[in-house]
C-alpha atoms as a PDB file:
ATOM      1  CA  UNK A   1     -18.878  -1.063  -3.907  1.00  0.00           C
ATOM      2  CA  UNK A   2     -22.739  -0.500  -4.160  1.00  0.00           C
ATOM      3  CA  UNK A   3     -21.870   2.403  -7.296  1.00  0.00           C
ATOM      4  CA  UNK A   4     -20.496  -0.363  -9.393  1.00  0.00           C
ATOM      5  CA  UNK A   5     -22.473  -2.385 -11.849  1.00  0.00           C
ATOM      6  CA  UNK A   6     -24.391  -5.861 -11.583  1.00  0.00           C
ATOM      7  CA  UNK A   7     -21.297  -8.569 -12.261  1.00  0.00           C
ATOM      8  CA  UNK A   8     -18.682  -5.543 -12.365  1.00  0.00           C
ATOM      9  CA  UNK A   9     -15.154  -6.905 -12.737  1.00  0.00           C
ATOM     10  CA  UNK A  10     -11.928  -5.698 -12.779  1.00  0.00           C
ATOM     11  CA  UNK A  11      -8.135  -7.006 -13.090  1.00  0.00           C
ATOM     12  CA  UNK A  12      -5.793  -5.623 -11.719  1.00  0.00           C
ATOM     13  CA  UNK A  13      -1.457  -6.365 -10.918  1.00  0.00           C
ATOM     14  CA  UNK A  14      -0.605  -5.365  -7.437  1.00  0.00           C
ATOM     15  CA  UNK A  15       2.386  -5.215  -5.527  1.00  0.00           C
ATOM     16  CA  UNK A  16       2.901  -4.624  -1.852  1.00  0.00           C
ATOM     17  CA  UNK A  17       6.280  -3.188  -0.524  1.00  0.00           C
ATOM     18  CA  UNK A  18       8.259  -3.029   2.734  1.00  0.00           C
ATOM     19  CA  UNK A  19      10.858  -0.949   3.594  1.00  0.00           C
ATOM     20  CA  UNK A  20      14.744  -1.764   4.700  1.00  0.00           C
ATOM     21  CA  UNK A  21      15.659   1.128   6.876  1.00  0.00           C
ATOM     22  CA  UNK A  22      18.798  -0.375   7.187  1.00  0.00           C
ATOM     23  CA  UNK A  23      19.585  -0.697   3.384  1.00  0.00           C
ATOM     24  CA  UNK A  24      17.552   1.773   2.195  1.00  0.00           C
ATOM     25  CA  UNK A  25      16.150   0.054  -0.151  1.00  0.00           C
ATOM     26  CA  UNK A  26      12.101  -1.419  -0.665  1.00  0.00           C
ATOM     27  CA  UNK A  27      11.562  -5.063  -0.591  1.00  0.00           C
ATOM     28  CA  UNK A  28       8.495  -6.194  -2.585  1.00  0.00           C
ATOM     29  CA  UNK A  29       6.278  -9.037  -3.244  1.00  0.00           C
ATOM     30  CA  UNK A  30       6.421  -8.653  -7.124  1.00  0.00           C
ATOM     31  CA  UNK A  31       4.896 -11.893  -9.503  1.00  0.00           C
ATOM     32  CA  UNK A  32       3.742  -9.721 -11.814  1.00  0.00           C
ATOM     33  CA  UNK A  33       0.035 -12.202 -11.851  1.00  0.00           C
ATOM     34  CA  UNK A  34      -3.004 -10.708 -13.391  1.00  0.00           C
ATOM     35  CA  UNK A  35      -5.504 -11.056 -10.446  1.00  0.00           C
ATOM     36  CA  UNK A  36      -9.617 -10.796 -10.919  1.00  0.00           C
ATOM     37  CA  UNK A  37     -11.549  -8.743  -8.356  1.00  0.00           C
ATOM     38  CA  UNK A  38     -15.654  -9.751  -9.522  1.00  0.00           C
ATOM     39  CA  UNK A  39     -18.712  -8.867  -7.713  1.00  0.00           C
ATOM     40  CA  UNK A  40     -18.901 -12.687  -6.463  1.00  0.00           C
ATOM     41  CA  UNK A  41     -15.275 -12.186  -4.562  1.00  0.00           C
ATOM     42  CA  UNK A  42     -14.231  -8.857  -3.634  1.00  0.00           C
ATOM     43  CA  UNK A  43     -11.514  -9.605  -1.386  1.00  0.00           C
ATOM     44  CA  UNK A  44      -8.021 -10.609  -2.694  1.00  0.00           C
ATOM     45  CA  UNK A  45      -4.307 -10.783  -0.956  1.00  0.00           C
ATOM     46  CA  UNK A  46      -1.282 -12.588  -0.306  1.00  0.00           C
ATOM     47  CA  UNK A  47      -1.151 -15.021   2.453  1.00  0.00           C
ATOM     48  CA  UNK A  48       2.051 -14.067   3.847  1.00  0.00           C
ATOM     49  CA  UNK A  49       4.469 -11.154   2.719  1.00  0.00           C
ATOM     50  CA  UNK A  50       6.882 -11.510   5.768  1.00  0.00           C
ATOM     51  CA  UNK A  51       6.654 -13.577   8.724  1.00  0.00           C
ATOM     52  CA  UNK A  52       6.652 -11.741  11.813  1.00  0.00           C
ATOM     53  CA  UNK A  53       9.400 -12.923  13.339  1.00  0.00           C
ATOM     54  CA  UNK A  54      11.856 -11.317  10.265  1.00  0.00           C
ATOM     55  CA  UNK A  55       9.623  -8.226  10.743  1.00  0.00           C
ATOM     56  CA  UNK A  56      10.108  -7.377  14.199  1.00  0.00           C
ATOM     57  CA  UNK A  57      13.501  -8.344  14.282  1.00  0.00           C
ATOM     58  CA  UNK A  58      15.478  -4.726  14.225  1.00  0.00           C
ATOM     59  CA  UNK A  59      18.884  -6.397  12.483  1.00  0.00           C
ATOM     60  CA  UNK A  60      16.315  -6.720   9.525  1.00  0.00           C
ATOM     61  CA  UNK A  61      15.927  -2.914   8.815  1.00  0.00           C
ATOM     62  CA  UNK A  62      11.980  -3.763   8.782  1.00  0.00           C
ATOM     63  CA  UNK A  63      10.515  -2.262  12.061  1.00  0.00           C
ATOM     64  CA  UNK A  64      12.508   0.298  13.543  1.00  0.00           C
ATOM     65  CA  UNK A  65      11.860   2.397  16.975  1.00  0.00           C
ATOM     66  CA  UNK A  66       8.620   1.227  16.250  1.00  0.00           C
ATOM     67  CA  UNK A  67       8.160   2.808  12.657  1.00  0.00           C
ATOM     68  CA  UNK A  68       7.898   0.750   9.306  1.00  0.00           C
ATOM     69  CA  UNK A  69       7.234   2.014   6.326  1.00  0.00           C
ATOM     70  CA  UNK A  70       5.047   0.314   3.521  1.00  0.00           C
ATOM     71  CA  UNK A  71       3.431   0.732   0.453  1.00  0.00           C
ATOM     72  CA  UNK A  72       1.622  -1.095  -2.319  1.00  0.00           C
ATOM     73  CA  UNK A  73       0.511  -0.016  -5.554  1.00  0.00           C
ATOM     74  CA  UNK A  74      -2.481  -1.105  -8.231  1.00  0.00           C
ATOM     75  CA  UNK A  75      -2.062  -1.474 -11.863  1.00  0.00           C
ATOM     76  CA  UNK A  76      -5.740  -1.987 -13.430  1.00  0.00           C
ATOM     77  CA  UNK A  77      -5.742  -4.472 -17.166  1.00  0.00           C
ATOM     78  CA  UNK A  78      -8.309  -3.736 -19.314  1.00  0.00           C
ATOM     79  CA  UNK A  79     -10.113  -6.862 -20.013  1.00  0.00           C
ATOM     80  CA  UNK A  80      -9.851  -8.173 -23.473  1.00  0.00           C
ATOM     81  CA  UNK A  81     -11.528 -11.917 -22.604  1.00  0.00           C
ATOM     82  CA  UNK A  82     -14.760 -12.607 -24.252  1.00  0.00           C
ATOM     83  CA  UNK A  83     -16.901 -15.117 -22.285  1.00  0.00           C
ATOM     84  CA  UNK A  84     -19.619 -16.592 -20.329  1.00  0.00           C
ATOM     85  CA  UNK A  85     -19.771 -15.704 -16.783  1.00  0.00           C
ATOM     86  CA  UNK A  86     -21.153 -18.165 -14.248  1.00  0.00           C
ATOM     87  CA  UNK A  87     -22.820 -16.624 -11.005  1.00  0.00           C
ATOM     88  CA  UNK A  88     -24.618 -18.500  -7.771  1.00  0.00           C
ATOM     89  CA  UNK A  89     -28.192 -18.682  -7.959  1.00  0.00           C
ATOM     90  CA  UNK A  90     -30.337 -18.630  -5.204  1.00  0.00           C
ATOM     91  CA  UNK A  91     -33.270 -20.820  -6.293  1.00  0.00           C
ATOM     92  CA  UNK A  92     -32.035 -23.211  -8.958  1.00  0.00           C
ATOM     93  CA  UNK A  93     -34.446 -23.449 -11.948  1.00  0.00           C
ATOM     94  CA  UNK A  94     -35.443 -27.089 -12.670  1.00  0.00           C
ATOM     95  CA  UNK A  95     -36.618 -28.183 -15.728  1.00  0.00           C
ATOM     96  CA  UNK A  96     -38.315 -31.162 -16.632  1.00  0.00           C
ATOM     97  CA  UNK A  97     -37.766 -32.360 -20.258  1.00  0.00           C
ATOM     98  CA  UNK A  98     -40.350 -35.023 -21.498  1.00  0.00           C
ATOM     99  CA  UNK A  99     -39.112 -38.319 -22.577  1.00  0.00           C
END
C-alpha cells in the first residue's frame, strides 16, 4: 500500500461465494452495498458468512472430501462525492482566541 497516494480512498462492492457441491450452485452474500476503503481504515469484511457447523456438515455440500470451492468478486465504484475528509492528528493544534 506504500505506492498509494496520501489519503487515498477507494469504494467497492464486494461479494463472497461458496459452492454447494451437491446442488451445483453458488451461495453468496450479495447485498449490493458500497463499502469504502481508505488510508485510515484498510480492512473490511463480513462478520459471518456461514457458521462452522453448517460449513462442516457434508449434507450441506460446502465441504466434501476435505474440498471446498469459494470465490470473491470486487467492483470498483467511481467516487463522485465532493466533501471534506477528516483525519486523526497525532498532536492536536491548540488555538487560543483572546477575548
